[in-house]
N, C-alpha and C. Protein backbone atom coordinates (compact mmCIF):
# COMPACT_ATOMS: atom_id res chain seq x y z
N MET A 1 -3.11 2.04 6.35
CA MET A 1 -3.42 3.52 5.99
C MET A 1 -3.67 3.90 4.64
N GLY A 2 -2.84 3.05 3.82
CA GLY A 2 -2.85 3.25 2.20
C GLY A 2 -4.01 2.80 1.68
N VAL A 3 -4.86 1.89 2.26
CA VAL A 3 -6.16 1.38 1.83
C VAL A 3 -7.06 2.65 2.03
N TRP A 4 -6.91 3.16 3.31
CA TRP A 4 -7.77 4.38 3.74
C TRP A 4 -7.71 5.49 2.81
N LEU A 5 -6.46 5.76 2.64
CA LEU A 5 -6.07 7.14 1.79
C LEU A 5 -6.65 6.66 0.30
N ARG A 6 -6.52 5.64 -0.29
CA ARG A 6 -6.91 5.48 -1.48
C ARG A 6 -8.33 5.51 -1.63
N GLU A 7 -8.78 4.85 -0.42
CA GLU A 7 -10.45 4.96 -0.46
C GLU A 7 -11.05 6.62 -0.65
N ALA A 8 -10.19 7.45 -0.16
CA ALA A 8 -10.55 8.86 -0.28
C ALA A 8 -10.00 9.56 -1.28
N GLY A 9 -9.44 8.61 -2.03
CA GLY A 9 -9.18 9.35 -3.40
C GLY A 9 -7.80 10.03 -3.78
N VAL A 10 -6.99 9.57 -2.88
CA VAL A 10 -5.54 10.15 -2.73
C VAL A 10 -4.71 9.06 -3.68
N ARG A 11 -3.78 9.63 -4.57
CA ARG A 11 -2.99 8.91 -5.18
C ARG A 11 -1.69 8.57 -4.41
N LEU A 12 -0.92 7.43 -4.13
CA LEU A 12 -0.02 7.13 -3.44
C LEU A 12 1.22 6.97 -4.15
N ASP A 13 2.41 7.57 -3.78
CA ASP A 13 3.76 7.25 -4.26
C ASP A 13 4.51 6.54 -3.07
N VAL A 14 4.52 5.25 -2.92
CA VAL A 14 5.24 4.88 -1.75
C VAL A 14 6.61 4.50 -2.01
N VAL A 15 7.57 5.05 -1.06
CA VAL A 15 8.78 4.90 -1.04
C VAL A 15 9.19 4.08 0.07
N ARG A 16 9.85 2.81 0.05
CA ARG A 16 10.19 2.15 0.94
C ARG A 16 12.06 2.35 1.21
N ALA A 17 12.09 3.52 1.71
CA ALA A 17 13.30 4.14 2.09
C ALA A 17 14.47 2.94 2.94
N TYR A 18 13.69 2.37 3.72
CA TYR A 18 14.66 1.39 4.54
C TYR A 18 15.12 0.23 3.75
N ALA A 19 14.47 -0.13 2.45
CA ALA A 19 14.92 -1.15 1.50
C ALA A 19 15.66 -0.53 0.54
N GLY A 20 16.24 0.78 0.66
CA GLY A 20 17.01 1.34 -0.40
C GLY A 20 16.42 1.83 -1.48
N GLU A 21 15.08 2.22 -1.49
CA GLU A 21 14.50 3.07 -2.54
C GLU A 21 14.72 4.52 -2.32
N PRO A 22 15.07 4.85 -3.46
CA PRO A 22 15.41 6.48 -3.42
C PRO A 22 14.30 7.32 -2.95
N LEU A 23 14.69 8.37 -2.31
CA LEU A 23 13.90 9.43 -1.85
C LEU A 23 13.63 10.51 -2.96
N PRO A 24 12.40 11.27 -3.28
CA PRO A 24 12.64 12.28 -3.99
C PRO A 24 13.45 13.26 -3.22
N VAL A 25 14.30 14.23 -4.29
CA VAL A 25 15.05 15.18 -3.82
C VAL A 25 14.16 16.36 -3.09
N ARG A 26 13.23 16.60 -4.08
CA ARG A 26 12.12 17.63 -3.82
C ARG A 26 10.68 17.07 -3.45
N LEU A 27 9.99 17.42 -2.62
CA LEU A 27 8.65 16.98 -2.21
C LEU A 27 7.70 17.70 -3.31
N GLY A 28 7.96 18.91 -3.75
CA GLY A 28 7.18 19.64 -4.65
C GLY A 28 5.50 19.88 -4.09
N PRO A 29 4.65 19.60 -4.86
CA PRO A 29 3.33 19.93 -4.30
C PRO A 29 2.83 18.80 -3.57
N ARG A 30 3.46 17.54 -3.40
CA ARG A 30 2.88 16.54 -2.98
C ARG A 30 2.59 16.75 -1.51
N ALA A 31 1.69 16.03 -0.54
CA ALA A 31 1.71 15.79 0.67
C ALA A 31 2.55 14.66 1.17
N LEU A 32 2.94 14.67 2.50
CA LEU A 32 3.97 13.49 2.80
C LEU A 32 3.40 12.81 4.22
N VAL A 33 3.51 11.53 4.07
CA VAL A 33 3.16 10.81 5.06
C VAL A 33 4.38 9.98 5.65
N VAL A 34 5.09 10.03 6.65
CA VAL A 34 6.10 9.31 7.22
C VAL A 34 5.63 8.41 8.23
N LEU A 35 5.88 6.93 8.13
CA LEU A 35 5.45 5.94 9.12
C LEU A 35 6.80 5.67 10.16
N GLY A 36 6.51 4.55 10.75
CA GLY A 36 7.39 4.29 12.01
C GLY A 36 8.59 3.59 11.65
N GLY A 37 9.49 3.29 12.67
CA GLY A 37 10.67 2.61 12.62
C GLY A 37 11.39 2.67 13.78
N GLY A 38 12.27 1.47 14.08
CA GLY A 38 12.94 1.50 15.24
C GLY A 38 14.16 2.31 15.63
N PHE A 39 14.30 3.56 15.11
CA PHE A 39 15.47 4.34 15.37
C PHE A 39 15.02 5.68 16.02
N LEU A 40 15.80 6.31 16.34
CA LEU A 40 15.85 7.89 16.80
C LEU A 40 15.88 8.73 15.57
N PRO A 41 15.28 9.91 15.65
CA PRO A 41 15.53 10.74 14.23
C PRO A 41 16.79 11.09 13.86
N TRP A 42 17.78 10.93 14.53
CA TRP A 42 19.05 11.31 14.06
C TRP A 42 20.00 10.12 14.06
N GLU A 43 19.50 9.00 14.13
CA GLU A 43 20.61 7.72 14.08
C GLU A 43 20.73 7.48 12.58
N ASP A 44 21.37 8.41 12.07
CA ASP A 44 21.79 8.08 10.47
C ASP A 44 22.60 7.12 10.13
N GLU A 45 23.50 6.56 11.11
CA GLU A 45 24.40 5.62 10.87
C GLU A 45 23.71 4.27 10.83
N ARG A 46 22.49 4.03 11.66
CA ARG A 46 21.69 3.00 11.70
C ARG A 46 20.63 2.93 10.57
N ALA A 47 20.22 4.27 10.13
CA ALA A 47 19.44 4.32 9.24
C ALA A 47 19.56 5.63 7.98
N PRO A 48 20.54 5.24 7.17
CA PRO A 48 21.07 6.25 6.23
C PRO A 48 20.25 6.88 5.34
N TRP A 49 18.84 6.71 5.23
CA TRP A 49 17.66 7.23 4.79
C TRP A 49 17.26 8.25 5.50
N LEU A 50 17.49 8.66 6.80
CA LEU A 50 16.99 9.57 7.64
C LEU A 50 17.19 10.95 7.17
N PRO A 51 18.38 11.37 6.85
CA PRO A 51 18.73 12.88 6.47
C PRO A 51 17.78 12.94 5.33
N GLY A 52 17.25 12.15 4.33
CA GLY A 52 16.66 12.40 3.12
C GLY A 52 15.09 12.70 3.64
N VAL A 53 14.63 12.13 4.73
CA VAL A 53 13.32 12.14 5.18
C VAL A 53 13.30 13.27 5.93
N ARG A 54 14.10 13.75 6.90
CA ARG A 54 14.15 15.11 7.46
C ARG A 54 14.01 16.20 6.62
N ARG A 55 14.96 16.23 5.28
CA ARG A 55 14.75 17.23 4.30
C ARG A 55 13.48 17.34 3.92
N LEU A 56 12.86 16.14 3.60
CA LEU A 56 11.54 16.47 2.97
C LEU A 56 10.57 16.96 4.13
N ILE A 57 10.86 16.49 5.24
CA ILE A 57 9.77 17.32 6.23
C ILE A 57 9.96 18.61 6.48
N GLY A 58 11.49 19.13 6.19
CA GLY A 58 11.64 20.52 6.44
C GLY A 58 11.00 21.18 5.11
N GLN A 59 10.95 20.64 3.97
CA GLN A 59 10.26 21.29 2.89
C GLN A 59 8.70 21.31 2.91
N ALA A 60 8.24 20.34 3.71
CA ALA A 60 6.70 20.10 3.81
C ALA A 60 6.42 21.53 4.85
N LEU A 61 7.16 21.60 5.77
CA LEU A 61 6.88 22.80 6.92
C LEU A 61 7.20 23.98 6.21
N GLN A 62 8.13 24.22 5.48
CA GLN A 62 8.25 25.43 4.84
C GLN A 62 7.33 25.73 3.74
N ASP A 63 6.81 24.74 3.06
CA ASP A 63 5.97 25.30 2.05
C ASP A 63 4.40 25.07 2.31
N GLY A 64 4.20 24.57 3.53
CA GLY A 64 2.86 24.20 3.97
C GLY A 64 2.09 23.16 3.37
N ASN A 65 2.85 21.95 2.79
CA ASN A 65 2.33 20.79 2.50
C ASN A 65 1.89 20.13 3.59
N PRO A 66 0.51 19.56 3.27
CA PRO A 66 0.11 18.34 4.39
C PRO A 66 1.05 17.28 4.87
N MET A 67 0.99 17.30 5.77
CA MET A 67 2.11 15.94 6.38
C MET A 67 1.45 15.30 7.58
N LEU A 68 1.91 14.07 7.55
CA LEU A 68 1.28 13.22 8.72
C LEU A 68 2.55 12.33 9.21
N GLY A 69 2.76 12.38 10.44
CA GLY A 69 3.90 11.53 11.01
C GLY A 69 3.51 10.62 12.07
N VAL A 70 3.75 9.51 11.86
CA VAL A 70 3.29 8.23 12.67
C VAL A 70 4.50 7.83 13.36
N CYS A 71 4.37 7.54 14.69
CA CYS A 71 5.39 7.07 15.50
C CYS A 71 6.73 7.73 15.31
N LEU A 72 7.68 7.00 14.71
CA LEU A 72 8.92 7.47 14.20
C LEU A 72 8.80 8.90 13.49
N GLY A 73 7.71 8.78 12.61
CA GLY A 73 7.54 9.90 11.56
C GLY A 73 6.97 10.98 12.60
N GLY A 74 6.26 10.76 13.84
CA GLY A 74 5.92 11.94 14.52
C GLY A 74 7.19 12.59 15.30
N GLN A 75 7.91 11.71 15.77
CA GLN A 75 9.22 11.97 16.42
C GLN A 75 10.01 13.02 15.50
N LEU A 76 10.06 12.50 14.13
CA LEU A 76 10.84 13.24 13.23
C LEU A 76 10.35 14.71 12.95
N LEU A 77 9.10 14.70 12.76
CA LEU A 77 8.43 15.95 12.64
C LEU A 77 8.76 17.00 14.02
N ALA A 78 8.75 16.43 15.02
CA ALA A 78 8.98 17.13 16.23
C ALA A 78 10.42 17.62 16.24
N HIS A 79 11.28 16.65 15.80
CA HIS A 79 12.73 16.91 15.92
C HIS A 79 13.08 18.06 14.82
N VAL A 80 12.58 18.13 13.55
CA VAL A 80 12.81 18.97 12.60
C VAL A 80 12.25 20.35 13.02
N ALA A 81 11.14 20.29 13.54
CA ALA A 81 10.45 21.59 13.77
C ALA A 81 11.06 22.33 15.10
N GLY A 82 12.12 21.62 15.68
CA GLY A 82 12.46 22.04 16.94
C GLY A 82 12.11 21.68 18.41
N GLY A 83 11.54 20.75 18.31
CA GLY A 83 11.05 19.81 19.59
C GLY A 83 12.10 19.22 20.02
N THR A 84 11.71 18.18 21.28
CA THR A 84 12.90 17.42 21.81
C THR A 84 12.45 15.84 21.64
N VAL A 85 13.06 14.95 21.24
CA VAL A 85 12.82 13.49 21.36
C VAL A 85 13.71 12.93 22.26
N ARG A 86 13.33 12.01 23.22
CA ARG A 86 14.45 11.36 24.06
C ARG A 86 14.17 9.87 23.86
N ALA A 87 15.34 9.13 24.01
CA ALA A 87 15.39 7.71 23.95
C ALA A 87 15.09 7.07 25.50
N ARG A 88 14.25 6.09 25.29
CA ARG A 88 13.64 5.47 26.42
C ARG A 88 13.39 6.39 27.61
N HIS A 89 12.29 6.98 27.28
CA HIS A 89 11.71 8.11 28.20
C HIS A 89 10.58 7.53 28.79
N GLY A 90 10.46 7.64 30.07
CA GLY A 90 9.24 7.12 30.69
C GLY A 90 8.93 5.99 30.78
N GLU A 91 7.81 5.09 30.89
CA GLU A 91 7.47 3.60 30.88
C GLU A 91 7.13 3.46 29.41
N PRO A 92 7.43 2.41 28.83
CA PRO A 92 7.23 1.78 27.56
C PRO A 92 5.72 1.53 27.37
N GLU A 93 5.07 1.78 26.12
CA GLU A 93 3.72 1.55 25.83
C GLU A 93 3.68 0.57 24.93
N PHE A 94 3.06 -0.56 25.22
CA PHE A 94 2.60 -1.86 24.06
C PHE A 94 1.21 -1.94 24.12
N GLY A 95 0.77 -2.21 22.75
CA GLY A 95 -0.53 -2.47 22.78
C GLY A 95 -1.61 -1.69 22.64
N SER A 96 -2.76 -1.91 22.79
CA SER A 96 -4.04 -1.04 22.34
C SER A 96 -3.95 -0.11 23.87
N THR A 97 -3.75 1.35 23.54
CA THR A 97 -3.68 2.19 24.67
C THR A 97 -4.58 3.29 24.48
N PRO A 98 -5.49 3.49 25.46
CA PRO A 98 -6.37 4.92 25.25
C PRO A 98 -5.89 6.16 25.27
N ILE A 99 -6.20 6.69 24.07
CA ILE A 99 -5.63 7.90 23.62
C ILE A 99 -6.67 9.13 23.89
N ARG A 100 -6.32 9.99 24.76
CA ARG A 100 -7.25 11.21 25.49
C ARG A 100 -6.99 12.52 24.56
N LEU A 101 -8.16 12.81 24.02
CA LEU A 101 -8.07 14.25 23.33
C LEU A 101 -7.91 15.31 24.29
N ARG A 102 -7.43 16.38 24.08
CA ARG A 102 -7.27 17.60 24.87
C ARG A 102 -8.10 18.40 24.18
N ALA A 103 -8.42 19.64 25.05
CA ALA A 103 -9.29 20.75 24.48
C ALA A 103 -8.93 21.40 23.03
N ALA A 104 -7.57 21.36 22.80
CA ALA A 104 -7.39 21.83 21.53
C ALA A 104 -7.61 21.04 20.39
N ALA A 105 -7.97 19.85 20.59
CA ALA A 105 -8.27 19.06 19.43
C ALA A 105 -9.86 19.25 19.12
N HIS A 106 -10.62 19.88 19.70
CA HIS A 106 -12.09 19.89 19.69
C HIS A 106 -12.28 20.76 18.11
N ASP A 107 -11.34 21.73 17.73
CA ASP A 107 -11.71 22.28 16.44
C ASP A 107 -10.40 21.88 15.64
N ASP A 108 -9.82 20.86 15.66
CA ASP A 108 -8.83 20.38 14.91
C ASP A 108 -9.25 19.80 13.70
N PRO A 109 -8.71 19.93 12.49
CA PRO A 109 -9.33 19.53 11.32
C PRO A 109 -9.37 17.90 11.05
N LEU A 110 -8.38 17.28 11.94
CA LEU A 110 -8.25 15.72 11.85
C LEU A 110 -8.99 15.34 13.27
N PHE A 111 -8.80 15.81 14.41
CA PHE A 111 -9.26 15.38 15.59
C PHE A 111 -10.61 15.78 16.01
N GLY A 112 -11.13 16.92 15.42
CA GLY A 112 -12.24 17.16 16.01
C GLY A 112 -13.44 16.46 15.76
N GLY A 113 -14.44 16.23 16.65
CA GLY A 113 -15.44 15.55 16.42
C GLY A 113 -15.19 13.86 16.70
N LEU A 114 -13.97 13.59 16.99
CA LEU A 114 -13.68 12.14 17.32
C LEU A 114 -13.96 12.03 18.78
N PRO A 115 -14.18 10.53 19.13
CA PRO A 115 -14.43 10.40 20.86
C PRO A 115 -13.38 11.15 21.49
N ALA A 116 -13.81 11.23 22.73
CA ALA A 116 -12.95 11.98 23.61
C ALA A 116 -11.85 11.09 23.96
N VAL A 117 -12.03 9.77 23.91
CA VAL A 117 -11.02 8.68 24.27
C VAL A 117 -11.08 7.33 23.35
N THR A 118 -10.21 7.38 22.61
CA THR A 118 -10.11 6.19 21.66
C THR A 118 -8.86 5.52 21.69
N SER A 119 -8.73 4.20 21.69
CA SER A 119 -7.62 3.39 21.85
C SER A 119 -7.11 3.26 20.69
N ALA A 120 -5.63 3.03 20.61
CA ALA A 120 -4.81 2.97 19.42
C ALA A 120 -3.69 1.92 19.79
N ILE A 121 -3.02 1.30 18.89
CA ILE A 121 -1.96 0.41 19.02
C ILE A 121 -0.80 1.21 19.19
N GLU A 122 -0.01 0.87 20.10
CA GLU A 122 1.44 1.47 20.47
C GLU A 122 2.59 0.39 20.56
N HIS A 123 3.84 0.71 20.17
CA HIS A 123 4.96 0.03 20.29
C HIS A 123 6.07 1.12 20.52
N HIS A 124 6.29 1.74 21.74
CA HIS A 124 7.47 2.56 21.61
C HIS A 124 8.18 2.67 22.95
N VAL A 125 9.44 3.07 23.13
CA VAL A 125 9.92 3.16 24.25
C VAL A 125 10.68 4.68 24.40
N ASP A 126 10.67 5.27 23.11
CA ASP A 126 11.07 6.52 23.04
C ASP A 126 10.06 7.51 22.90
N ALA A 127 10.34 8.83 23.09
CA ALA A 127 8.99 9.85 23.16
C ALA A 127 9.48 11.19 23.00
N VAL A 128 8.61 11.95 22.40
CA VAL A 128 8.65 13.47 22.05
C VAL A 128 8.33 14.08 23.77
N THR A 129 9.51 14.65 24.15
CA THR A 129 9.33 15.20 25.66
C THR A 129 9.24 16.59 25.40
N GLU A 130 9.52 17.36 24.53
CA GLU A 130 8.86 18.89 24.42
C GLU A 130 8.53 19.17 22.93
N LEU A 131 7.37 19.82 22.78
CA LEU A 131 6.83 19.87 21.71
C LEU A 131 7.68 21.06 20.99
N PRO A 132 7.61 21.21 19.55
CA PRO A 132 8.22 22.25 18.91
C PRO A 132 7.64 23.62 19.22
N PRO A 133 8.37 24.84 19.20
CA PRO A 133 7.73 26.13 19.29
C PRO A 133 6.34 26.19 18.63
N GLY A 134 5.32 26.73 19.56
CA GLY A 134 4.00 26.93 18.63
C GLY A 134 3.12 25.88 18.27
N ALA A 135 3.56 24.62 18.50
CA ALA A 135 2.84 23.58 18.33
C ALA A 135 1.66 23.38 18.94
N VAL A 136 0.41 22.85 18.55
CA VAL A 136 -0.57 22.61 19.46
C VAL A 136 -0.85 21.06 19.83
N TRP A 137 -0.74 20.93 21.19
CA TRP A 137 -0.67 19.73 21.84
C TRP A 137 -2.28 19.03 21.91
N LEU A 138 -2.55 18.17 21.00
CA LEU A 138 -3.82 17.60 20.67
C LEU A 138 -4.20 16.29 21.69
N ALA A 139 -3.38 15.56 22.04
CA ALA A 139 -3.85 14.36 22.60
C ALA A 139 -2.67 13.90 23.35
N GLU A 140 -3.00 12.83 24.62
CA GLU A 140 -1.97 12.38 25.53
C GLU A 140 -2.66 10.88 25.88
N SER A 141 -1.75 10.41 26.56
CA SER A 141 -2.17 9.05 27.45
C SER A 141 -1.69 8.87 28.77
N GLU A 142 -1.76 8.06 29.55
CA GLU A 142 -1.62 7.72 30.81
C GLU A 142 -0.05 7.98 30.92
N ARG A 143 0.74 7.26 29.94
CA ARG A 143 2.29 7.02 30.05
C ARG A 143 2.98 8.11 29.21
N CYS A 144 2.21 8.68 28.32
CA CYS A 144 2.94 9.41 27.31
C CYS A 144 2.18 10.75 26.97
N ARG A 145 2.60 11.96 27.56
CA ARG A 145 1.99 13.16 27.35
C ARG A 145 1.82 13.59 25.78
N HIS A 146 2.76 13.25 25.03
CA HIS A 146 2.72 13.90 23.84
C HIS A 146 2.10 12.96 22.65
N GLN A 147 0.81 12.30 22.79
CA GLN A 147 0.51 11.51 21.48
C GLN A 147 0.20 12.05 20.37
N ALA A 148 -0.21 13.31 20.31
CA ALA A 148 -0.54 14.06 19.08
C ALA A 148 -0.28 15.46 19.23
N PHE A 149 -0.17 16.14 17.93
CA PHE A 149 0.13 17.59 18.09
C PHE A 149 0.31 17.82 16.49
N ARG A 150 0.18 19.28 16.47
CA ARG A 150 0.08 20.03 15.05
C ARG A 150 1.11 20.81 15.08
N VAL A 151 1.84 21.06 13.87
CA VAL A 151 2.79 22.28 13.81
C VAL A 151 1.98 22.88 12.66
N GLY A 152 1.94 24.34 12.76
CA GLY A 152 1.24 25.02 11.90
C GLY A 152 -0.23 24.62 11.61
N ASP A 153 -0.54 24.87 10.21
CA ASP A 153 -1.90 24.53 9.68
C ASP A 153 -2.04 22.96 9.19
N ALA A 154 -0.94 22.45 8.94
CA ALA A 154 -1.19 21.42 7.85
C ALA A 154 -0.08 20.02 8.34
N ALA A 155 0.52 20.17 9.29
CA ALA A 155 1.54 19.15 9.74
C ALA A 155 1.08 18.53 10.96
N TRP A 156 0.88 17.13 11.00
CA TRP A 156 0.37 16.34 12.36
C TRP A 156 1.35 15.39 12.65
N GLY A 157 1.57 15.23 13.98
CA GLY A 157 2.43 14.05 14.66
C GLY A 157 1.80 13.19 15.42
N VAL A 158 1.74 11.96 15.38
CA VAL A 158 1.11 11.15 16.62
C VAL A 158 2.08 10.08 16.79
N GLN A 159 2.17 9.63 18.12
CA GLN A 159 3.09 8.71 18.75
C GLN A 159 2.41 7.44 18.51
N PHE A 160 1.19 7.24 18.49
CA PHE A 160 0.41 5.88 18.27
C PHE A 160 0.24 5.81 16.76
N HIS A 161 -0.29 4.55 16.41
CA HIS A 161 -0.34 3.82 15.25
C HIS A 161 -1.84 3.79 14.68
N PRO A 162 -2.45 4.73 14.18
CA PRO A 162 -3.76 4.72 13.87
C PRO A 162 -4.07 3.61 12.75
N GLU A 163 -2.98 3.28 12.04
CA GLU A 163 -3.20 2.22 10.90
C GLU A 163 -3.07 0.78 11.43
N ALA A 164 -2.54 0.44 12.57
CA ALA A 164 -2.39 -0.76 12.99
C ALA A 164 -3.50 -1.54 13.77
N THR A 165 -3.71 -2.80 13.16
CA THR A 165 -4.76 -3.54 13.87
C THR A 165 -4.25 -4.72 14.98
N ALA A 166 -5.19 -5.35 15.83
CA ALA A 166 -4.69 -6.47 16.78
C ALA A 166 -3.82 -7.37 16.06
N GLU A 167 -3.99 -7.71 14.91
CA GLU A 167 -3.21 -8.60 14.33
C GLU A 167 -1.70 -8.48 14.14
N ARG A 168 -1.40 -7.11 13.91
CA ARG A 168 0.07 -6.79 14.04
C ARG A 168 0.92 -7.09 15.35
N ILE A 169 0.07 -7.35 16.45
CA ILE A 169 0.62 -7.50 17.77
C ILE A 169 1.03 -8.83 17.65
N ARG A 170 0.49 -9.94 16.77
CA ARG A 170 1.01 -11.46 16.52
C ARG A 170 2.56 -11.14 15.95
N CYS A 171 2.78 -10.28 15.39
CA CYS A 171 4.10 -10.40 14.67
C CYS A 171 5.38 -9.79 15.52
N TRP A 172 4.84 -9.40 17.12
CA TRP A 172 5.80 -8.79 17.83
C TRP A 172 6.53 -9.75 18.32
N ASP A 173 7.80 -9.64 18.94
CA ASP A 173 8.69 -10.49 19.73
C ASP A 173 8.11 -10.85 21.01
N ARG A 174 7.61 -12.25 20.96
CA ARG A 174 6.87 -12.34 22.47
C ARG A 174 7.74 -12.37 23.57
N GLN A 175 8.93 -13.08 23.37
CA GLN A 175 10.12 -13.13 24.68
C GLN A 175 10.25 -11.66 24.89
N ARG A 176 10.62 -10.73 24.13
CA ARG A 176 10.89 -9.54 24.43
C ARG A 176 9.81 -8.78 25.10
N LEU A 177 8.62 -8.95 24.86
CA LEU A 177 7.42 -8.54 25.45
C LEU A 177 7.29 -9.02 26.89
N ARG A 178 7.43 -10.37 27.12
CA ARG A 178 7.68 -10.99 28.44
C ARG A 178 8.61 -10.29 29.37
N GLU A 179 9.86 -10.08 28.78
CA GLU A 179 11.07 -9.27 29.46
C GLU A 179 10.53 -8.15 29.76
N GLN A 180 9.51 -7.54 29.22
CA GLN A 180 9.05 -6.09 29.68
C GLN A 180 7.96 -6.19 30.67
N GLY A 181 7.64 -7.55 30.88
CA GLY A 181 6.60 -7.77 31.81
C GLY A 181 5.14 -7.76 31.25
N VAL A 182 5.18 -7.86 30.04
CA VAL A 182 3.82 -7.90 29.26
C VAL A 182 3.51 -9.31 28.75
N ASP A 183 2.06 -9.62 28.98
CA ASP A 183 1.61 -10.87 28.35
C ASP A 183 1.11 -10.53 27.03
N PRO A 184 1.84 -10.98 25.81
CA PRO A 184 1.59 -11.03 24.50
C PRO A 184 0.16 -11.35 24.22
N ASP A 185 -0.45 -12.38 24.84
CA ASP A 185 -1.68 -13.02 24.55
C ASP A 185 -2.88 -11.86 25.16
N GLU A 186 -2.47 -11.44 26.45
CA GLU A 186 -3.32 -10.42 26.91
C GLU A 186 -3.41 -9.26 26.09
N LEU A 187 -2.18 -8.75 25.49
CA LEU A 187 -2.25 -7.67 24.68
C LEU A 187 -3.09 -7.80 23.27
N TYR A 188 -2.92 -8.90 22.87
CA TYR A 188 -3.70 -9.22 21.62
C TYR A 188 -5.31 -9.42 21.73
N ALA A 189 -5.73 -9.95 22.99
CA ALA A 189 -6.98 -9.92 23.39
C ALA A 189 -7.54 -8.71 23.61
N ARG A 190 -6.88 -7.90 24.25
CA ARG A 190 -7.45 -6.23 24.42
C ARG A 190 -7.43 -5.70 23.22
N ALA A 191 -6.67 -5.82 22.39
CA ALA A 191 -6.66 -5.06 21.17
C ALA A 191 -7.78 -5.41 20.38
N LEU A 192 -8.05 -6.76 20.30
CA LEU A 192 -9.12 -7.47 19.39
C LEU A 192 -10.39 -6.97 20.07
N THR A 193 -10.55 -6.58 21.30
CA THR A 193 -11.87 -6.15 22.03
C THR A 193 -11.92 -4.51 21.56
N ASP A 194 -10.84 -3.74 21.57
CA ASP A 194 -11.01 -2.46 21.06
C ASP A 194 -11.08 -2.04 19.69
N GLU A 195 -10.88 -3.00 18.75
CA GLU A 195 -10.54 -2.63 17.42
C GLU A 195 -11.99 -2.47 16.67
N PRO A 196 -13.06 -2.70 17.06
CA PRO A 196 -14.24 -1.94 16.14
C PRO A 196 -14.39 -0.64 16.38
N ALA A 197 -14.25 -0.06 17.58
CA ALA A 197 -14.16 1.35 17.75
C ALA A 197 -13.05 2.02 17.38
N SER A 198 -11.91 1.59 17.56
CA SER A 198 -10.69 2.06 17.27
C SER A 198 -10.45 2.42 15.65
N THR A 199 -10.78 1.21 14.93
CA THR A 199 -10.70 1.21 13.43
C THR A 199 -11.77 2.37 12.82
N ALA A 200 -12.98 2.41 13.62
CA ALA A 200 -13.73 3.26 12.76
C ALA A 200 -13.31 4.76 13.00
N ALA A 201 -12.85 5.28 14.41
CA ALA A 201 -12.17 6.40 14.52
C ALA A 201 -11.01 6.85 13.75
N TRP A 202 -10.06 5.81 13.70
CA TRP A 202 -8.97 6.17 12.82
C TRP A 202 -8.93 6.12 11.61
N ASN A 203 -10.00 5.59 10.98
CA ASN A 203 -10.31 5.48 9.65
C ASN A 203 -10.99 6.80 9.24
N ALA A 204 -11.92 7.35 10.05
CA ALA A 204 -12.24 8.64 9.86
C ALA A 204 -11.32 9.80 10.03
N PHE A 205 -10.20 9.66 10.97
CA PHE A 205 -9.11 10.55 10.98
C PHE A 205 -8.22 10.65 9.85
N THR A 206 -7.98 9.26 9.03
CA THR A 206 -7.18 9.37 8.04
C THR A 206 -7.99 9.79 6.86
N HIS A 207 -9.21 9.75 6.55
CA HIS A 207 -10.08 10.21 5.55
C HIS A 207 -10.00 11.68 5.79
N ARG A 208 -9.98 12.34 6.93
CA ARG A 208 -10.05 13.65 6.97
C ARG A 208 -8.60 14.22 6.38
N PHE A 209 -7.69 13.43 6.90
CA PHE A 209 -6.42 13.91 6.33
C PHE A 209 -6.16 13.70 4.76
N ALA A 210 -6.83 12.81 4.29
CA ALA A 210 -7.01 12.56 2.72
C ALA A 210 -7.85 14.02 2.12
N LEU A 211 -8.71 14.43 2.80
CA LEU A 211 -9.76 15.38 2.29
C LEU A 211 -8.85 16.74 2.35
N HIS A 212 -7.97 16.83 3.57
CA HIS A 212 -7.22 17.99 3.53
C HIS A 212 -6.30 18.25 2.53
N VAL A 213 -5.42 16.89 2.07
CA VAL A 213 -4.57 16.77 1.19
C VAL A 213 -5.27 17.16 -0.35
N ILE A 214 -6.44 16.71 -0.45
CA ILE A 214 -7.12 16.89 -1.67
C ILE A 214 -7.36 18.57 -1.80
N SER A 215 -8.07 18.93 -0.94
CA SER A 215 -8.31 20.29 -0.82
C SER A 215 -7.17 21.34 -0.98
N ALA A 216 -5.82 20.86 -0.45
CA ALA A 216 -4.70 21.68 -0.68
C ALA A 216 -4.37 21.81 -2.34
N GLY A 217 -4.67 20.61 -2.76
CA GLY A 217 -4.33 20.56 -4.15
C GLY A 217 -2.93 21.01 -4.55
N PRO A 218 -2.37 20.57 -5.78
CA PRO A 218 -1.06 20.76 -6.33
C PRO A 218 -1.04 22.37 -6.71
């Protein structure tokens, strides 16, 4: 995702909070991108950086700064904005998953004009079960209702990983996948087949977010 954002002209300040790098106290005029992780939005004891991330998300929502939350990042956005996230809800999703756009996505700045169905990499057992008040529901999948949503005019959350490629699946715990009844080699092969179309769509999606960031300006 960083490559795509830079291609579109966005300067990145990357903070690896999970590695102990300090988060800014104030977001200021910057946009915010929050990526994934194996936690729930409130598991501060396991991930002591979460309160700082929630604080920045709250500032983005209050000030109207562009924001994109991916997987845990999307769950954090839903949680901060008043939605509900549940642990181990429904059936897990692993690998390349068809993401279906809803009617509300047709005129959305990021999703509008994308294919009606595009696959994306998934790796989650937790889910957003209730959207924040006033949020716009943008996409769904067979096993997960809330794959994408928008809060206000400038904050988007997605459950899927637009940035992930098939190669990422090779890093997953093969034994754990088998325990879930999933064949890791089949997951990889399907993702590889889906990758050309999915990469084109999510590259365009990310570039649109970058243009939104640039047009918002400091």
